[in-house]
């Protein structure tokens, strides 16, 4: 899984961190999303995709990489 974050588009809603807290968090100073885990376990992939879909500013892109 390849996760790309477009920091300049993040609106700091926090939905990603609430949806996939093992993978995403927010910077304290401005609330912008950052990755806690750039290579999450397969068991977290559904949460990561859900977080990307829920992002109101579409700042998270997820691509499945074939094994």
C-alpha atoms as a PDB file:
ATOM      1  CA  UNK A   1       0.000   0.000   0.000  1.00  0.00           C
ATOM      2  CA  UNK A   2       1.295   3.428  -0.956  1.00  0.00           C
ATOM      3  CA  UNK A   3      -0.097   6.315   1.093  1.00  0.00           C
ATOM      4  CA  UNK A   4       0.435   9.860  -0.146  1.00  0.00           C
ATOM      5  CA  UNK A   5      -0.449  12.907   1.919  1.00  0.00           C
ATOM      6  CA  UNK A   6      -0.910  16.302   0.297  1.00  0.00           C
ATOM      7  CA  UNK A   7      -0.156  18.479   3.335  1.00  0.00           C
ATOM      8  CA  UNK A   8      -0.990  21.697   1.514  1.00  0.00           C
ATOM      9  CA  UNK A   9      -4.551  20.439   0.941  1.00  0.00           C
ATOM     10  CA  UNK A  10      -5.176  19.147   4.482  1.00  0.00           C
ATOM     11  CA  UNK A  11      -7.958  21.059   6.218  1.00  0.00           C
ATOM     12  CA  UNK A  12      -7.092  19.599   9.658  1.00  0.00           C
ATOM     13  CA  UNK A  13     -10.495  18.005  10.216  1.00  0.00           C
ATOM     14  CA  UNK A  14      -8.983  15.045  12.087  1.00  0.00           C
ATOM     15  CA  UNK A  15     -11.254  12.480  10.480  1.00  0.00           C
ATOM     16  CA  UNK A  16      -8.249  10.473   9.290  1.00  0.00           C
ATOM     17  CA  UNK A  17      -6.780  10.235  12.787  1.00  0.00           C
ATOM     18  CA  UNK A  18     -10.144   9.205  14.216  1.00  0.00           C
ATOM     19  CA  UNK A  19     -10.769   6.639  11.479  1.00  0.00           C
ATOM     20  CA  UNK A  20      -7.287   5.058  11.372  1.00  0.00           C
ATOM     21  CA  UNK A  21      -5.484   6.134  14.568  1.00  0.00           C
ATOM     22  CA  UNK A  22      -2.719   3.563  14.151  1.00  0.00           C
ATOM     23  CA  UNK A  23      -1.734   5.090  10.819  1.00  0.00           C
ATOM     24  CA  UNK A  24      -2.559   8.827  10.949  1.00  0.00           C
ATOM     25  CA  UNK A  25      -2.097  11.611  13.468  1.00  0.00           C
ATOM     26  CA  UNK A  26      -2.110  15.397  13.390  1.00  0.00           C
ATOM     27  CA  UNK A  27       0.650  17.890  14.105  1.00  0.00           C
ATOM     28  CA  UNK A  28      -0.030  19.798  17.305  1.00  0.00           C
ATOM     29  CA  UNK A  29       0.950  23.183  15.899  1.00  0.00           C
ATOM     30  CA  UNK A  30      -1.460  23.235  12.941  1.00  0.00           C
ATOM     31  CA  UNK A  31      -3.472  19.994  12.873  1.00  0.00           C
ATOM     32  CA  UNK A  32      -2.073  18.841   9.532  1.00  0.00           C
ATOM     33  CA  UNK A  33      -2.123  15.080   9.037  1.00  0.00           C
ATOM     34  CA  UNK A  34       1.047  12.999   9.165  1.00  0.00           C
ATOM     35  CA  UNK A  35       1.786   9.291   8.868  1.00  0.00           C
ATOM     36  CA  UNK A  36       2.530   7.218  11.933  1.00  0.00           C
ATOM     37  CA  UNK A  37       2.977   4.098   9.819  1.00  0.00           C
ATOM     38  CA  UNK A  38       3.970   4.370   6.149  1.00  0.00           C
ATOM     39  CA  UNK A  39       3.606   0.605   5.660  1.00  0.00           C
ATOM     40  CA  UNK A  40       0.556  -0.503   7.661  1.00  0.00           C
ATOM     41  CA  UNK A  41      -0.274  -4.155   8.186  1.00  0.00           C
ATOM     42  CA  UNK A  42      -2.872  -5.587   5.776  1.00  0.00           C
ATOM     43  CA  UNK A  43      -5.365  -5.723   8.645  1.00  0.00           C
ATOM     44  CA  UNK A  44      -5.343  -1.886   8.673  1.00  0.00           C
ATOM     45  CA  UNK A  45      -5.780  -1.363   4.926  1.00  0.00           C
ATOM     46  CA  UNK A  46      -9.570  -1.065   5.105  1.00  0.00           C
ATOM     47  CA  UNK A  47      -9.287   1.629   7.801  1.00  0.00           C
ATOM     48  CA  UNK A  48      -6.716   3.540   5.753  1.00  0.00           C
ATOM     49  CA  UNK A  49      -8.920   3.464   2.651  1.00  0.00           C
ATOM     50  CA  UNK A  50     -11.919   4.562   4.714  1.00  0.00           C
ATOM     51  CA  UNK A  51      -9.931   7.463   6.167  1.00  0.00           C
ATOM     52  CA  UNK A  52      -8.905   8.576   2.674  1.00  0.00           C
ATOM     53  CA  UNK A  53     -12.514   8.401   1.442  1.00  0.00           C
ATOM     54  CA  UNK A  54     -13.770  10.412   4.428  1.00  0.00           C
ATOM     55  CA  UNK A  55     -11.165  13.178   4.123  1.00  0.00           C
ATOM     56  CA  UNK A  56     -13.151  16.332   3.292  1.00  0.00           C
ATOM     57  CA  UNK A  57     -10.230  17.898   1.421  1.00  0.00           C
ATOM     58  CA  UNK A  58      -9.111  14.673  -0.317  1.00  0.00           C
ATOM     59  CA  UNK A  59      -5.599  15.188   1.053  1.00  0.00           C
ATOM     60  CA  UNK A  60      -4.917  11.440   1.366  1.00  0.00           C
ATOM     61  CA  UNK A  61      -4.334   9.170  -1.608  1.00  0.00           C
ATOM     62  CA  UNK A  62      -4.076   5.404  -1.259  1.00  0.00           C
ATOM     63  CA  UNK A  63      -2.813   2.996  -3.870  1.00  0.00           C
ATOM     64  CA  UNK A  64      -2.678  -0.763  -3.531  1.00  0.00           C
ATOM     65  CA  UNK A  65       0.677  -2.173  -4.575  1.00  0.00           C
ATOM     66  CA  UNK A  66       0.569  -5.766  -5.830  1.00  0.00           C
ATOM     67  CA  UNK A  67       2.811  -8.140  -3.901  1.00  0.00           C
END
